[in-house]
Amino acid sequence: MKTYSEESIQEHLKELNGWHFDNNGIEKKFKFKNFSQALGFIIQVGVEAEKNNHHPELYNVYNKVNIRLSTHDADGVTDKDVELAKAIENI
């Protein structure tokens, strides 16, 4: 499975507003009006993750959600991460 380096992922990141490469993964922080909206978003992300059989690292504190995507089997960012990030952007 091909992994992206920090340099080679840049073209994809141009299409993913607010996502950045860090430590062999791509990450984005989201902020919502309140906890209920943040939790609803997490549930929608979970549904997309199940559809894609690819599961993100999710961190939630009140109205903030941080998402990190990395393909653990490949030890880095792959097309699976890019596709899930695109799906998350469409939520």
C-alpha atoms as a PDB file:
ATOM      1  CA  MET A   1       0.000   0.000   0.000  1.00  0.00           C
ATOM      2  CA  LYS A   2       1.480   3.335  -1.068  1.00  0.00           C
ATOM      3  CA  THR A   3       1.975   5.915   1.669  1.00  0.00           C
ATOM      4  CA  TYR A   4       2.267   9.646   1.212  1.00  0.00           C
ATOM      5  CA  SER A   5       5.124  11.732   2.512  1.00  0.00           C
ATOM      6  CA  GLU A   6       4.617  15.256   3.815  1.00  0.00           C
ATOM      7  CA  GLU A   7       5.616  16.526   0.380  1.00  0.00           C
ATOM      8  CA  SER A   8       3.563  14.118  -1.735  1.00  0.00           C
ATOM      9  CA  ILE A   9       0.310  14.639   0.238  1.00  0.00           C
ATOM     10  CA  GLN A  10       0.277  18.399  -0.416  1.00  0.00           C
ATOM     11  CA  GLU A  11      -1.798  18.175  -3.622  1.00  0.00           C
ATOM     12  CA  HIS A  12      -4.515  16.272  -1.771  1.00  0.00           C
ATOM     13  CA  LEU A  13      -4.428  18.664   1.175  1.00  0.00           C
ATOM     14  CA  LYS A  14      -5.249  21.546  -1.191  1.00  0.00           C
ATOM     15  CA  GLU A  15      -8.613  19.835  -1.708  1.00  0.00           C
ATOM     16  CA  LEU A  16      -9.138  19.296   2.033  1.00  0.00           C
ATOM     17  CA  ASN A  17      -9.800  22.597   3.735  1.00  0.00           C
ATOM     18  CA  GLY A  18      -8.039  22.844   7.083  1.00  0.00           C
ATOM     19  CA  TRP A  19      -6.396  19.411   7.075  1.00  0.00           C
ATOM     20  CA  HIS A  20      -2.659  19.224   7.712  1.00  0.00           C
ATOM     21  CA  PHE A  21       0.027  16.555   7.774  1.00  0.00           C
ATOM     22  CA  ASP A  22       1.591  15.709  11.131  1.00  0.00           C
ATOM     23  CA  ASN A  23       3.604  12.682  12.272  1.00  0.00           C
ATOM     24  CA  ASN A  24       2.564  10.333   9.429  1.00  0.00           C
ATOM     25  CA  GLY A  25      -1.104  11.296   9.631  1.00  0.00           C
ATOM     26  CA  ILE A  26      -3.524  13.998   8.543  1.00  0.00           C
ATOM     27  CA  GLU A  27      -5.452  15.971  11.115  1.00  0.00           C
ATOM     28  CA  LYS A  28      -8.144  18.587  11.430  1.00  0.00           C
ATOM     29  CA  LYS A  29      -9.783  20.400  14.337  1.00  0.00           C
ATOM     30  CA  PHE A  30     -13.507  21.139  14.256  1.00  0.00           C
ATOM     31  CA  LYS A  31     -15.448  23.479  16.531  1.00  0.00           C
ATOM     32  CA  PHE A  32     -19.216  23.439  17.060  1.00  0.00           C
ATOM     33  CA  LYS A  33     -21.814  25.514  18.866  1.00  0.00           C
ATOM     34  CA  ASN A  34     -22.147  23.026  21.703  1.00  0.00           C
ATOM     35  CA  PHE A  35     -21.505  19.464  22.855  1.00  0.00           C
ATOM     36  CA  SER A  36     -24.660  18.106  21.211  1.00  0.00           C
ATOM     37  CA  GLN A  37     -23.565  19.319  17.773  1.00  0.00           C
ATOM     38  CA  ALA A  38     -20.054  17.948  18.308  1.00  0.00           C
ATOM     39  CA  LEU A  39     -21.441  14.568  19.356  1.00  0.00           C
ATOM     40  CA  GLY A  40     -23.816  14.468  16.383  1.00  0.00           C
ATOM     41  CA  PHE A  41     -20.861  15.130  14.089  1.00  0.00           C
ATOM     42  CA  ILE A  42     -18.861  12.324  15.711  1.00  0.00           C
ATOM     43  CA  ILE A  43     -21.734   9.917  15.095  1.00  0.00           C
ATOM     44  CA  GLN A  44     -21.864  10.927  11.419  1.00  0.00           C
ATOM     45  CA  VAL A  45     -18.100  10.445  11.159  1.00  0.00           C
ATOM     46  CA  GLY A  46     -18.545   7.011  12.700  1.00  0.00           C
ATOM     47  CA  VAL A  47     -21.109   6.059  10.066  1.00  0.00           C
ATOM     48  CA  GLU A  48     -18.737   7.151   7.270  1.00  0.00           C
ATOM     49  CA  ALA A  49     -15.864   5.307   8.917  1.00  0.00           C
ATOM     50  CA  GLU A  50     -17.893   2.093   9.003  1.00  0.00           C
ATOM     51  CA  LYS A  51     -18.882   2.500   5.342  1.00  0.00           C
ATOM     52  CA  ASN A  52     -15.205   2.885   4.444  1.00  0.00           C
ATOM     53  CA  ASN A  53     -13.991   0.234   6.912  1.00  0.00           C
ATOM     54  CA  HIS A  54     -11.395   2.764   8.038  1.00  0.00           C
ATOM     55  CA  HIS A  55     -11.516   4.235  11.514  1.00  0.00           C
ATOM     56  CA  PRO A  56     -10.148   7.605  12.654  1.00  0.00           C
ATOM     57  CA  GLU A  57      -8.742   8.696  15.950  1.00  0.00           C
ATOM     58  CA  LEU A  58     -11.359  11.004  17.471  1.00  0.00           C
ATOM     59  CA  TYR A  59     -10.852  13.373  20.393  1.00  0.00           C
ATOM     60  CA  ASN A  60     -13.707  15.370  21.866  1.00  0.00           C
ATOM     61  CA  VAL A  61     -13.816  18.021  24.556  1.00  0.00           C
ATOM     62  CA  TYR A  62     -17.156  19.816  24.865  1.00  0.00           C
ATOM     63  CA  ASN A  63     -17.672  21.522  21.479  1.00  0.00           C
ATOM     64  CA  LYS A  64     -14.316  20.619  19.929  1.00  0.00           C
ATOM     65  CA  VAL A  65     -13.534  17.525  17.861  1.00  0.00           C
ATOM     66  CA  ASN A  66     -10.053  16.658  16.639  1.00  0.00           C
ATOM     67  CA  ILE A  67      -9.708  13.991  13.968  1.00  0.00           C
ATOM     68  CA  ARG A  68      -6.535  12.175  12.993  1.00  0.00           C
ATOM     69  CA  LEU A  69      -6.336   9.797  10.042  1.00  0.00           C
ATOM     70  CA  SER A  70      -3.501   7.362   9.452  1.00  0.00           C
ATOM     71  CA  THR A  71      -3.460   3.866   8.000  1.00  0.00           C
ATOM     72  CA  HIS A  72      -1.892   1.898  10.823  1.00  0.00           C
ATOM     73  CA  ASP A  73      -1.190  -1.173   8.667  1.00  0.00           C
ATOM     74  CA  ALA A  74       0.875   1.018   6.328  1.00  0.00           C
ATOM     75  CA  ASP A  75       2.364   3.212   9.066  1.00  0.00           C
ATOM     76  CA  GLY A  76       1.350   6.406   7.280  1.00  0.00           C
ATOM     77  CA  VAL A  77      -1.159   8.258   5.136  1.00  0.00           C
ATOM     78  CA  THR A  78      -2.728   6.332   2.253  1.00  0.00           C
ATOM     79  CA  ASP A  79      -5.595   6.829  -0.176  1.00  0.00           C
ATOM     80  CA  LYS A  80      -7.911   5.399   2.501  1.00  0.00           C
ATOM     81  CA  ASP A  81      -7.174   8.418   4.692  1.00  0.00           C
ATOM     82  CA  VAL A  82      -7.660  10.897   1.865  1.00  0.00           C
ATOM     83  CA  GLU A  83     -10.991   9.327   0.886  1.00  0.00           C
ATOM     84  CA  LEU A  84     -12.284   9.308   4.456  1.00  0.00           C
ATOM     85  CA  ALA A  85     -11.203  12.933   4.938  1.00  0.00           C
ATOM     86  CA  LYS A  86     -13.168  13.858   1.788  1.00  0.00           C
ATOM     87  CA  ALA A  87     -16.222  12.026   3.122  1.00  0.00           C
ATOM     88  CA  ILE A  88     -15.905  13.821   6.462  1.00  0.00           C
ATOM     89  CA  GLU A  89     -15.750  17.151   4.650  1.00  0.00           C
ATOM     90  CA  ASN A  90     -19.098  16.336   3.035  1.00  0.00           C
ATOM     91  CA  ILE A  91     -20.872  15.806   6.369  1.00  0.00           C
END
